[in-house]
Amino acid sequence: MNGKTRLSAALAAHPDVLEYIISLNPHDFSRLRNPLMNKVMPPRITLARVAAMVGMPEQELVEKVMKIAGITDDSLSEHEEHEPLPQSPKEKPQWLKTCDPEAIKWVDVTPLDAHLGDPMPPINIAVNTSKPGEIIGVKHMWEPQPLFDIWHAKNFEFWSEQINHDLWHIYVYHPAS
């Protein structure tokens, strides 16, 4: 088990892993108690991403999950070096500073969030069908860090800001080149 291990594999290792993960960030992870969210979210998230989301060293999280699961084989805890995970930049990017706010195409997934539905399909449709130069705005109750990995792989740029405790605005830019 290491940072590249999917949360689904960690959860399958022992039932107590779920409550431990939830305890790290109840606001974001309590939705894993919902059967639908428990089915669709864990395969999308690595332990490295969970660690990043809660501000914990990756190896510490892996070791704690292994301890809870009763895994004592140290060879399963091999730490692998990898590039840092994509994160939202601290500063608002130039493409957002200079855009026409009226041109941003918004997707509001907060109603899905409130009912613990899967917000990924409407977000993916909007982002994947965007045209070069377009900006998609996403209203979400959480910062969807697992999507940062997908957008980074597709060379999209993104920036997120927390509006209040239960509202984030995430901007996804489809570069022209």
C-alpha atoms as a PDB file:
ATOM      1  CA  MET A   1       0.000   0.000   0.000  1.00  0.00           C
ATOM      2  CA  ASN A   2       1.338   3.460  -0.903  1.00  0.00           C
ATOM      3  CA  GLY A   3       0.183   6.890  -2.047  1.00  0.00           C
ATOM      4  CA  LYS A   4      -0.912   5.522  -5.405  1.00  0.00           C
ATOM      5  CA  THR A   5      -3.260   3.051  -3.715  1.00  0.00           C
ATOM      6  CA  ARG A   6      -6.879   3.886  -4.458  1.00  0.00           C
ATOM      7  CA  LEU A   7      -9.077   4.773  -1.522  1.00  0.00           C
ATOM      8  CA  SER A   8     -11.376   1.919  -2.590  1.00  0.00           C
ATOM      9  CA  ALA A   9      -8.582  -0.610  -1.910  1.00  0.00           C
ATOM     10  CA  ALA A  10      -7.847   0.958   1.475  1.00  0.00           C
ATOM     11  CA  LEU A  11     -11.533   0.855   2.433  1.00  0.00           C
ATOM     12  CA  ALA A  12     -11.729  -2.783   1.358  1.00  0.00           C
ATOM     13  CA  ALA A  13      -8.794  -3.649   3.643  1.00  0.00           C
ATOM     14  CA  HIS A  14     -10.800  -3.096   6.846  1.00  0.00           C
ATOM     15  CA  PRO A  15     -14.196  -1.539   7.746  1.00  0.00           C
ATOM     16  CA  ASP A  16     -12.621   0.804  10.345  1.00  0.00           C
ATOM     17  CA  VAL A  17     -10.641   2.587   7.618  1.00  0.00           C
ATOM     18  CA  LEU A  18     -13.844   4.356   6.514  1.00  0.00           C
ATOM     19  CA  GLU A  19     -14.414   5.990   9.902  1.00  0.00           C
ATOM     20  CA  TYR A  20     -10.753   6.981  10.132  1.00  0.00           C
ATOM     21  CA  ILE A  21     -10.867   8.669   6.709  1.00  0.00           C
ATOM     22  CA  ILE A  22     -14.098  10.455   7.626  1.00  0.00           C
ATOM     23  CA  SER A  23     -12.553  11.657  10.904  1.00  0.00           C
ATOM     24  CA  LEU A  24      -9.776  13.413   8.970  1.00  0.00           C
ATOM     25  CA  ASN A  25     -12.238  15.784   7.300  1.00  0.00           C
ATOM     26  CA  PRO A  26     -15.882  15.162   8.237  1.00  0.00           C
ATOM     27  CA  HIS A  27     -17.136  18.020   6.037  1.00  0.00           C
ATOM     28  CA  ASP A  28     -15.729  16.468   2.863  1.00  0.00           C
ATOM     29  CA  PHE A  29     -15.632  12.761   3.685  1.00  0.00           C
ATOM     30  CA  SER A  30     -18.830  12.059   5.650  1.00  0.00           C
ATOM     31  CA  ARG A  31     -20.567  11.660   2.305  1.00  0.00           C
ATOM     32  CA  LEU A  32     -18.638   8.373   1.977  1.00  0.00           C
ATOM     33  CA  ARG A  33     -21.258   6.896   4.328  1.00  0.00           C
ATOM     34  CA  ASN A  34     -23.785   7.302   1.508  1.00  0.00           C
ATOM     35  CA  PRO A  35     -23.843   4.016  -0.485  1.00  0.00           C
ATOM     36  CA  LEU A  36     -23.770   5.774  -3.881  1.00  0.00           C
ATOM     37  CA  MET A  37     -20.895   8.064  -2.941  1.00  0.00           C
ATOM     38  CA  ASN A  38     -19.045   5.167  -1.307  1.00  0.00           C
ATOM     39  CA  LYS A  39     -19.313   3.305  -4.588  1.00  0.00           C
ATOM     40  CA  VAL A  40     -18.306   6.081  -7.016  1.00  0.00           C
ATOM     41  CA  MET A  41     -15.812   8.279  -5.124  1.00  0.00           C
ATOM     42  CA  PRO A  42     -13.175   5.910  -3.622  1.00  0.00           C
ATOM     43  CA  PRO A  43     -12.052   4.409  -6.956  1.00  0.00           C
ATOM     44  CA  ARG A  44     -11.342   7.966  -8.193  1.00  0.00           C
ATOM     45  CA  ILE A  45      -9.137   9.024  -5.271  1.00  0.00           C
ATOM     46  CA  THR A  46      -5.652   7.903  -4.283  1.00  0.00           C
ATOM     47  CA  LEU A  47      -4.340   7.907  -0.734  1.00  0.00           C
ATOM     48  CA  ALA A  48      -1.905  10.619  -1.854  1.00  0.00           C
ATOM     49  CA  ARG A  49      -4.861  12.820  -2.816  1.00  0.00           C
ATOM     50  CA  VAL A  50      -6.624  12.095   0.504  1.00  0.00           C
ATOM     51  CA  ALA A  51      -3.434  13.110   2.332  1.00  0.00           C
ATOM     52  CA  ALA A  52      -3.223  16.325   0.285  1.00  0.00           C
ATOM     53  CA  MET A  53      -6.880  17.120   0.982  1.00  0.00           C
ATOM     54  CA  VAL A  54      -6.357  16.881   4.744  1.00  0.00           C
ATOM     55  CA  GLY A  55      -2.865  18.395   4.871  1.00  0.00           C
ATOM     56  CA  MET A  56      -1.190  15.244   6.149  1.00  0.00           C
ATOM     57  CA  PRO A  57       2.096  13.704   5.004  1.00  0.00           C
ATOM     58  CA  GLU A  58       1.297  10.927   2.551  1.00  0.00           C
ATOM     59  CA  GLN A  59       3.435   8.292   4.267  1.00  0.00           C
ATOM     60  CA  GLU A  60       1.814   9.033   7.640  1.00  0.00           C
ATOM     61  CA  LEU A  61      -1.646   8.417   6.165  1.00  0.00           C
ATOM     62  CA  VAL A  62      -0.535   5.197   4.448  1.00  0.00           C
ATOM     63  CA  GLU A  63       1.027   3.883   7.659  1.00  0.00           C
ATOM     64  CA  LYS A  64      -2.079   4.730   9.711  1.00  0.00           C
ATOM     65  CA  VAL A  65      -4.393   3.015   7.195  1.00  0.00           C
ATOM     66  CA  MET A  66      -2.149  -0.052   7.207  1.00  0.00           C
ATOM     67  CA  LYS A  67      -2.163  -0.122  11.017  1.00  0.00           C
ATOM     68  CA  ILE A  68      -5.967   0.099  11.135  1.00  0.00           C
ATOM     69  CA  ALA A  69      -6.222  -2.639   8.516  1.00  0.00           C
ATOM     70  CA  GLY A  70      -3.813  -4.840  10.455  1.00  0.00           C
ATOM     71  CA  ILE A  71      -1.295  -4.901   7.620  1.00  0.00           C
ATOM     72  CA  THR A  72       2.129  -5.452   9.148  1.00  0.00           C
ATOM     73  CA  ASP A  73       4.134  -6.359   6.055  1.00  0.00           C
ATOM     74  CA  ASP A  74       6.521  -3.408   5.694  1.00  0.00           C
ATOM     75  CA  SER A  75       7.084  -4.268   2.037  1.00  0.00           C
ATOM     76  CA  LEU A  76       3.511  -3.165   1.354  1.00  0.00           C
ATOM     77  CA  SER A  77       4.338   0.308   2.626  1.00  0.00           C
ATOM     78  CA  GLU A  78       7.007   1.176   0.087  1.00  0.00           C
ATOM     79  CA  HIS A  79       7.201   4.914  -0.291  1.00  0.00           C
ATOM     80  CA  GLU A  80       7.354   5.905  -3.924  1.00  0.00           C
ATOM     81  CA  GLU A  81       8.638   9.256  -5.056  1.00  0.00           C
ATOM     82  CA  HIS A  82       6.286  10.987  -7.447  1.00  0.00           C
ATOM     83  CA  GLU A  83       5.584  14.453  -8.698  1.00  0.00           C
ATOM     84  CA  PRO A  84       3.564  16.703  -6.402  1.00  0.00           C
ATOM     85  CA  LEU A  85      -0.170  16.477  -6.950  1.00  0.00           C
ATOM     86  CA  PRO A  86      -1.795  19.281  -8.943  1.00  0.00           C
ATOM     87  CA  GLN A  87      -3.186  21.996  -6.694  1.00  0.00           C
ATOM     88  CA  SER A  88      -5.078  25.206  -7.276  1.00  0.00           C
ATOM     89  CA  PRO A  89      -2.629  28.113  -7.540  1.00  0.00           C
ATOM     90  CA  LYS A  90      -2.627  30.502  -4.576  1.00  0.00           C
ATOM     91  CA  GLU A  91      -3.004  33.580  -6.775  1.00  0.00           C
ATOM     92  CA  LYS A  92      -5.856  34.184  -9.206  1.00  0.00           C
ATOM     93  CA  PRO A  93      -4.497  33.378 -12.693  1.00  0.00           C
ATOM     94  CA  GLN A  94      -4.212  36.011 -15.411  1.00  0.00           C
ATOM     95  CA  TRP A  95      -6.741  34.249 -17.662  1.00  0.00           C
ATOM     96  CA  LEU A  96      -9.354  34.724 -14.922  1.00  0.00           C
ATOM     97  CA  LYS A  97      -8.351  38.283 -14.056  1.00  0.00           C
ATOM     98  CA  THR A  98      -8.789  39.408 -17.661  1.00  0.00           C
ATOM     99  CA  CYS A  99     -11.855  37.392 -18.662  1.00  0.00           C
ATOM    100  CA  ASP A 100     -15.325  38.801 -19.192  1.00  0.00           C
ATOM    101  CA  PRO A 101     -17.285  37.518 -16.152  1.00  0.00           C
ATOM    102  CA  GLU A 102     -20.374  37.222 -18.345  1.00  0.00           C
ATOM    103  CA  ALA A 103     -18.540  34.732 -20.581  1.00  0.00           C
ATOM    104  CA  ILE A 104     -18.008  32.188 -17.782  1.00  0.00           C
ATOM    105  CA  LYS A 105     -20.276  29.167 -18.270  1.00  0.00           C
ATOM    106  CA  TRP A 106     -21.498  28.052 -14.852  1.00  0.00           C
ATOM    107  CA  VAL A 107     -22.342  24.570 -13.613  1.00  0.00           C
ATOM    108  CA  ASP A 108     -24.006  24.536 -10.204  1.00  0.00           C
ATOM    109  CA  VAL A 109     -23.664  21.130  -8.556  1.00  0.00           C
ATOM    110  CA  THR A 110     -24.649  22.318  -5.076  1.00  0.00           C
ATOM    111  CA  PRO A 111     -28.143  20.752  -5.378  1.00  0.00           C
ATOM    112  CA  LEU A 112     -26.452  17.408  -6.154  1.00  0.00           C
ATOM    113  CA  ASP A 113     -24.034  17.964  -3.288  1.00  0.00           C
ATOM    114  CA  ALA A 114     -26.917  18.608  -0.894  1.00  0.00           C
ATOM    115  CA  HIS A 115     -28.502  15.263  -1.809  1.00  0.00           C
ATOM    116  CA  LEU A 116     -25.141  13.439  -1.865  1.00  0.00           C
ATOM    117  CA  GLY A 117     -25.431  12.791  -5.570  1.00  0.00           C
ATOM    118  CA  ASP A 118     -22.461  12.377  -7.886  1.00  0.00           C
ATOM    119  CA  PRO A 119     -21.380  15.817  -9.157  1.00  0.00           C
ATOM    120  CA  MET A 120     -18.723  14.428 -11.486  1.00  0.00           C
ATOM    121  CA  PRO A 121     -20.902  13.754 -14.578  1.00  0.00           C
ATOM    122  CA  PRO A 122     -22.248  17.327 -15.008  1.00  0.00           C
ATOM    123  CA  ILE A 123     -18.821  18.788 -14.283  1.00  0.00           C
ATOM    124  CA  ASN A 124     -17.132  16.456 -16.760  1.00  0.00           C
ATOM    125  CA  ILE A 125     -19.673  17.186 -19.468  1.00  0.00           C
ATOM    126  CA  ALA A 126     -19.215  20.950 -19.108  1.00  0.00           C
ATOM    127  CA  VAL A 127     -15.413  20.831 -18.944  1.00  0.00           C
ATOM    128  CA  ASN A 128     -14.920  18.188 -21.637  1.00  0.00           C
ATOM    129  CA  THR A 129     -17.209  19.969 -24.096  1.00  0.00           C
ATOM    130  CA  SER A 130     -15.661  23.390 -23.494  1.00  0.00           C
ATOM    131  CA  LYS A 131     -13.933  25.030 -26.417  1.00  0.00           C
ATOM    132  CA  PRO A 132     -10.411  26.448 -26.400  1.00  0.00           C
ATOM    133  CA  GLY A 133     -10.395  29.794 -24.609  1.00  0.00           C
ATOM    134  CA  GLU A 134     -13.551  29.066 -22.605  1.00  0.00           C
ATOM    135  CA  ILE A 135     -13.841  29.134 -18.837  1.00  0.00           C
ATOM    136  CA  ILE A 136     -16.205  26.853 -16.978  1.00  0.00           C
ATOM    137  CA  GLY A 137     -17.243  27.960 -13.481  1.00  0.00           C
ATOM    138  CA  VAL A 138     -18.315  25.289 -11.021  1.00  0.00           C
ATOM    139  CA  LYS A 139     -20.314  25.989  -7.862  1.00  0.00           C
ATOM    140  CA  HIS A 140     -19.576  23.153  -5.466  1.00  0.00           C
ATOM    141  CA  MET A 141     -19.894  22.495  -1.738  1.00  0.00           C
ATOM    142  CA  TRP A 142     -16.360  21.068  -1.689  1.00  0.00           C
ATOM    143  CA  GLU A 143     -13.076  21.744  -3.420  1.00  0.00           C
ATOM    144  CA  PRO A 144     -13.029  18.850  -5.907  1.00  0.00           C
ATOM    145  CA  GLN A 145      -9.314  18.061  -5.654  1.00  0.00           C
ATOM    146  CA  PRO A 146      -9.628  14.628  -7.320  1.00  0.00           C
ATOM    147  CA  LEU A 147     -10.745  16.463 -10.477  1.00  0.00           C
ATOM    148  CA  PHE A 148      -7.511  18.489 -10.398  1.00  0.00           C
ATOM    149  CA  ASP A 149      -5.640  15.307 -11.365  1.00  0.00           C
ATOM    150  CA  ILE A 150      -7.920  14.776 -14.369  1.00  0.00           C
ATOM    151  CA  TRP A 151      -7.816  18.405 -15.514  1.00  0.00           C
ATOM    152  CA  HIS A 152      -4.039  18.562 -15.140  1.00  0.00           C
ATOM    153  CA  ALA A 153      -3.658  15.441 -17.297  1.00  0.00           C
ATOM    154  CA  LYS A 154      -5.791  17.129 -19.991  1.00  0.00           C
ATOM    155  CA  ASN A 155      -3.707  20.339 -19.769  1.00  0.00           C
ATOM    156  CA  PHE A 156      -6.628  22.386 -18.459  1.00  0.00           C
ATOM    157  CA  GLU A 157      -5.829  25.146 -16.006  1.00  0.00           C
ATOM    158  CA  PHE A 158      -7.915  25.688 -12.889  1.00  0.00           C
ATOM    159  CA  TRP A 159      -8.286  27.889  -9.860  1.00  0.00           C
ATOM    160  CA  SER A 160     -10.535  27.531  -6.843  1.00  0.00           C
ATOM    161  CA  GLU A 161     -11.709  29.869  -4.120  1.00  0.00           C
ATOM    162  CA  GLN A 162     -13.727  29.174  -1.022  1.00  0.00           C
ATOM    163  CA  ILE A 163     -16.690  31.557  -0.855  1.00  0.00           C
ATOM    164  CA  ASN A 164     -17.961  30.297   2.504  1.00  0.00           C
ATOM    165  CA  HIS A 165     -17.956  27.096   4.573  1.00  0.00           C
ATOM    166  CA  ASP A 166     -20.238  25.272   2.130  1.00  0.00           C
ATOM    167  CA  LEU A 167     -19.482  26.954  -1.179  1.00  0.00           C
ATOM    168  CA  TRP A 168     -16.505  26.860  -3.507  1.00  0.00           C
ATOM    169  CA  HIS A 169     -16.146  28.451  -6.931  1.00  0.00           C
ATOM    170  CA  ILE A 170     -13.852  26.508  -9.221  1.00  0.00           C
ATOM    171  CA  TYR A 171     -12.802  27.914 -12.576  1.00  0.00           C
ATOM    172  CA  VAL A 172     -11.538  25.613 -15.324  1.00  0.00           C
ATOM    173  CA  TYR A 173      -9.817  27.156 -18.327  1.00  0.00           C
ATOM    174  CA  HIS A 174      -9.479  25.338 -21.638  1.00  0.00           C
ATOM    175  CA  PRO A 175      -6.270  26.816 -23.062  1.00  0.00           C
ATOM    176  CA  ALA A 176      -6.284  27.910 -26.667  1.00  0.00           C
ATOM    177  CA  SER A 177      -3.184  25.877 -27.469  1.00  0.00           C
END
